[in-house]
Amino acid sequence: MKLKLITVALIYGLLSCKQSENSVAQAAISATQSETPMAKETIYQFKVEDLEGNTFDFSSLKGKKILIVNTASKCGLTPQYKDLEALYQKFKDKNFVIVGFPANNFGQQEPGTNAEIATFCQKNYGVSFPMMAKVSVKGSDMCAVYQFLTQQSRNGLQDSRVEWNFQKYLIGADGHLEQVISPQVSPMDAKIVDWISK
């Protein structure tokens, strides 16, 4: 009788261990599946309005490297418009484009209307790269493009916040975010030029 009880106990113990191993294996599989990164979004899903009120479709830029920059007309960094235009002229025929987003988020330094911004950019800096309608680049009313640019869960690269006017986001030819460049860095800085050239 004792032998039977011992045998039953051993069999029960082995079965319990097997079930426990299965549970651990299932948990490991579940953990691996939940850690699998979601597919990164691309810039191509966005359509926005430009300064003239026309629809600008980012999917039209497929295959080009894109520098996205938030701009302002009354900022100490506003002269960067000159270098942005020079950069655009130098590389626009080499699958490169700059897209500007005027924003009034910092020190009320972009108070103008879209029409006033367009006139300012053309008259003072001869800006010819695409300029979008004024947006918000931070806070609860942040526009959809900047939500993508600043959230790692969407861009797959990193979380960031727009520090000031003229922060630069570099988008690869596949539509994915590749670098975030601080506002103070000149558009003609070697790290930007080298990125475009490679």
Protein backbone atom coordinates (compact mmCIF):
# COMPACT_ATOMS: atom_id res chain seq x y z
CA MET A 1 0.00 0.00 0.00
CA LYS A 2 2.82 2.37 0.93
CA LEU A 3 4.53 1.55 -2.35
CA LYS A 4 1.34 2.43 -4.27
CA LEU A 5 1.05 5.74 -2.45
CA ILE A 6 4.70 6.60 -3.13
CA THR A 7 4.27 5.70 -6.81
CA VAL A 8 1.12 7.83 -7.12
CA ALA A 9 2.88 10.74 -5.36
CA LEU A 10 5.86 10.49 -7.73
CA ILE A 11 3.64 10.41 -10.83
CA TYR A 12 1.64 13.39 -9.52
CA GLY A 13 4.86 15.26 -8.78
CA LEU A 14 6.22 14.62 -12.29
CA LEU A 15 2.96 15.74 -13.90
CA SER A 16 2.95 18.93 -11.80
CA CYS A 17 6.53 19.70 -12.88
CA LYS A 18 5.62 19.14 -16.53
CA GLN A 19 2.62 21.48 -16.26
CA SER A 20 4.78 24.07 -14.57
CA GLU A 21 7.39 23.81 -17.36
CA ASN A 22 4.61 24.28 -19.91
CA SER A 23 3.35 27.35 -18.04
CA VAL A 24 6.86 28.82 -17.96
CA ALA A 25 7.31 28.10 -21.67
CA GLN A 26 3.94 29.73 -22.48
CA ALA A 27 4.84 32.77 -20.36
CA ALA A 28 8.18 33.08 -22.18
CA ILE A 29 6.45 32.93 -25.57
CA SER A 30 3.91 35.56 -24.48
CA ALA A 31 6.67 37.85 -23.16
CA THR A 32 8.61 37.54 -26.42
CA GLN A 33 5.51 38.36 -28.46
CA SER A 34 4.71 41.42 -26.34
CA GLU A 35 8.30 42.70 -26.73
CA THR A 36 8.14 42.46 -30.53
CA PRO A 37 8.35 46.07 -31.70
CA MET A 38 5.43 47.50 -33.63
CA ALA A 39 6.10 48.51 -37.20
CA LYS A 40 7.48 52.03 -37.31
CA GLU A 41 5.26 54.65 -38.86
CA THR A 42 6.56 56.82 -41.69
CA ILE A 43 6.17 60.48 -42.57
CA TYR A 44 4.30 59.44 -45.73
CA GLN A 45 0.98 58.95 -43.91
CA PHE A 46 0.56 62.69 -43.34
CA LYS A 47 -1.24 65.34 -45.37
CA VAL A 48 -1.02 68.92 -44.17
CA GLU A 49 -1.92 72.40 -45.39
CA ASP A 50 0.73 74.69 -46.84
CA LEU A 51 0.98 78.48 -46.46
CA GLU A 52 -1.24 79.00 -49.50
CA GLY A 53 -3.97 76.71 -48.16
CA ASN A 54 -3.20 73.82 -50.52
CA THR A 55 -2.90 70.20 -49.40
CA PHE A 56 0.67 68.99 -49.08
CA ASP A 57 1.00 65.19 -49.21
CA PHE A 58 4.20 63.82 -47.67
CA SER A 59 3.81 60.66 -49.76
CA SER A 60 4.87 62.80 -52.75
CA LEU A 61 8.36 62.94 -51.18
CA LYS A 62 9.02 59.18 -51.24
CA GLY A 63 12.67 58.46 -52.00
CA LYS A 64 13.87 61.88 -50.79
CA LYS A 65 15.68 62.80 -47.60
CA ILE A 66 13.64 65.39 -45.69
CA LEU A 67 14.66 68.01 -43.15
CA ILE A 68 11.65 69.17 -41.13
CA VAL A 69 12.11 72.40 -39.18
CA ASN A 70 9.84 74.55 -37.01
CA THR A 71 10.37 78.21 -37.90
CA ALA A 72 9.66 81.67 -36.49
CA SER A 73 10.01 85.19 -37.92
CA LYS A 74 10.99 87.07 -34.76
CA CYS A 75 13.57 84.77 -33.18
CA GLY A 76 17.29 85.16 -32.60
CA LEU A 77 17.67 82.05 -34.79
CA THR A 78 15.53 83.45 -37.64
CA PRO A 79 18.66 84.13 -39.77
CA GLN A 80 18.90 80.34 -40.10
CA TYR A 81 16.37 80.79 -42.92
CA LYS A 82 19.31 81.99 -45.05
CA ASP A 83 21.31 78.80 -44.43
CA LEU A 84 18.23 76.61 -44.83
CA GLU A 85 17.63 78.14 -48.26
CA ALA A 86 21.32 77.74 -49.19
CA LEU A 87 21.20 74.08 -48.11
CA TYR A 88 18.04 73.53 -50.11
CA GLN A 89 19.52 75.13 -53.24
CA LYS A 90 22.66 73.01 -52.92
CA PHE A 91 20.89 69.66 -52.57
CA LYS A 92 17.36 70.03 -53.97
CA ASP A 93 18.36 68.24 -57.18
CA LYS A 94 19.86 65.37 -55.17
CA ASN A 95 16.69 63.91 -53.66
CA PHE A 96 16.57 66.32 -50.73
CA VAL A 97 13.87 68.68 -49.53
CA ILE A 98 13.25 70.97 -46.55
CA VAL A 99 9.76 71.35 -45.11
CA GLY A 100 9.17 74.30 -42.79
CA PHE A 101 6.47 74.48 -40.13
CA PRO A 102 5.95 78.00 -38.69
CA ALA A 103 5.00 77.78 -35.02
CA ASN A 104 4.21 80.34 -32.32
CA ASN A 105 5.06 78.09 -29.36
CA PHE A 106 8.19 79.87 -28.17
CA GLY A 107 8.14 83.45 -26.92
CA GLN A 108 5.27 84.38 -29.28
CA GLN A 109 7.92 84.71 -32.00
CA GLU A 110 5.65 83.75 -34.90
CA PRO A 111 2.57 85.94 -34.41
CA GLY A 112 1.82 86.51 -38.10
CA THR A 113 -0.87 85.06 -40.32
CA ASN A 114 0.05 82.48 -42.97
CA ALA A 115 0.02 85.23 -45.61
CA GLU A 116 2.29 87.45 -43.51
CA ILE A 117 4.69 84.57 -42.89
CA ALA A 118 4.85 83.79 -46.63
CA THR A 119 5.64 87.44 -47.43
CA PHE A 120 8.28 87.63 -44.67
CA CYS A 121 10.06 84.45 -45.81
CA GLN A 122 10.14 85.44 -49.46
CA LYS A 123 11.03 89.11 -48.96
CA ASN A 124 13.75 88.62 -46.33
CA TYR A 125 15.28 85.26 -47.20
CA GLY A 126 14.02 84.24 -50.65
CA VAL A 127 12.67 81.00 -49.21
CA SER A 128 11.69 78.59 -51.97
CA PHE A 129 11.42 75.32 -50.04
CA PRO A 130 7.92 74.16 -49.03
CA MET A 131 6.45 76.06 -46.07
CA MET A 132 3.38 74.72 -44.30
CA ALA A 133 0.57 76.58 -42.55
CA LYS A 134 1.29 77.62 -38.96
CA VAL A 135 0.95 74.77 -36.44
CA SER A 136 1.63 73.95 -32.80
CA VAL A 137 4.71 71.81 -32.17
CA LYS A 138 4.19 71.12 -28.46
CA GLY A 139 1.48 70.87 -25.83
CA SER A 140 -2.06 69.52 -25.97
CA ASP A 141 -2.69 71.00 -29.44
CA MET A 142 0.50 69.58 -31.01
CA CYS A 143 -0.10 68.80 -34.68
CA ALA A 144 -0.09 65.19 -35.91
CA VAL A 145 3.26 65.44 -37.74
CA TYR A 146 5.01 66.58 -34.56
CA GLN A 147 3.32 63.87 -32.51
CA PHE A 148 4.96 61.39 -34.87
CA LEU A 149 8.33 63.19 -34.74
CA THR A 150 8.47 63.40 -30.93
CA GLN A 151 7.09 59.99 -29.85
CA GLN A 152 9.32 56.92 -29.99
CA SER A 153 6.26 54.65 -29.94
CA ARG A 154 5.40 56.10 -33.34
CA ASN A 155 8.73 57.02 -34.98
CA GLY A 156 10.67 54.00 -33.69
CA LEU A 157 13.80 56.07 -32.95
CA GLN A 158 13.43 58.20 -29.84
CA ASP A 159 11.25 60.40 -27.71
CA SER A 160 12.11 64.08 -28.00
CA ARG A 161 10.64 67.46 -27.30
CA VAL A 162 10.93 70.54 -29.46
CA GLU A 163 13.28 72.75 -27.45
CA TRP A 164 12.93 76.00 -29.41
CA ASN A 165 12.43 77.41 -32.88
CA PHE A 166 14.51 75.84 -35.67
CA GLN A 167 14.82 72.32 -34.25
CA LYS A 168 15.56 69.93 -37.10
CA TYR A 169 14.25 66.42 -37.73
CA LEU A 170 16.03 64.37 -40.38
CA ILE A 171 13.89 61.84 -42.23
CA GLY A 172 15.56 59.15 -44.36
CA ALA A 173 14.65 58.31 -47.95
CA ASP A 174 12.42 55.51 -46.58
CA GLY A 175 10.28 57.95 -44.58
CA HIS A 176 11.68 56.99 -41.16
CA LEU A 177 13.06 59.42 -38.59
CA GLU A 178 16.87 59.15 -38.41
CA GLN A 179 18.17 62.09 -36.35
CA VAL A 180 17.04 64.97 -34.16
CA ILE A 181 19.21 68.11 -34.37
CA SER A 182 19.01 70.88 -31.77
CA PRO A 183 17.85 74.40 -32.74
CA GLN A 184 21.26 76.04 -32.30
CA VAL A 185 22.97 73.76 -34.84
CA SER A 186 23.36 75.53 -38.18
CA PRO A 187 21.61 73.97 -41.18
CA MET A 188 25.04 73.98 -42.89
CA ASP A 189 26.68 72.01 -40.05
CA ALA A 190 28.80 69.07 -41.22
CA LYS A 191 26.56 66.51 -39.47
CA ILE A 192 23.58 67.64 -41.60
CA VAL A 193 25.52 68.06 -44.85
CA ASP A 194 27.21 64.67 -44.40
CA TRP A 195 23.86 63.03 -43.69
CA ILE A 196 22.39 64.45 -46.90
CA SER A 197 25.47 63.49 -48.92
CA LYS A 198 25.81 59.86 -47.82
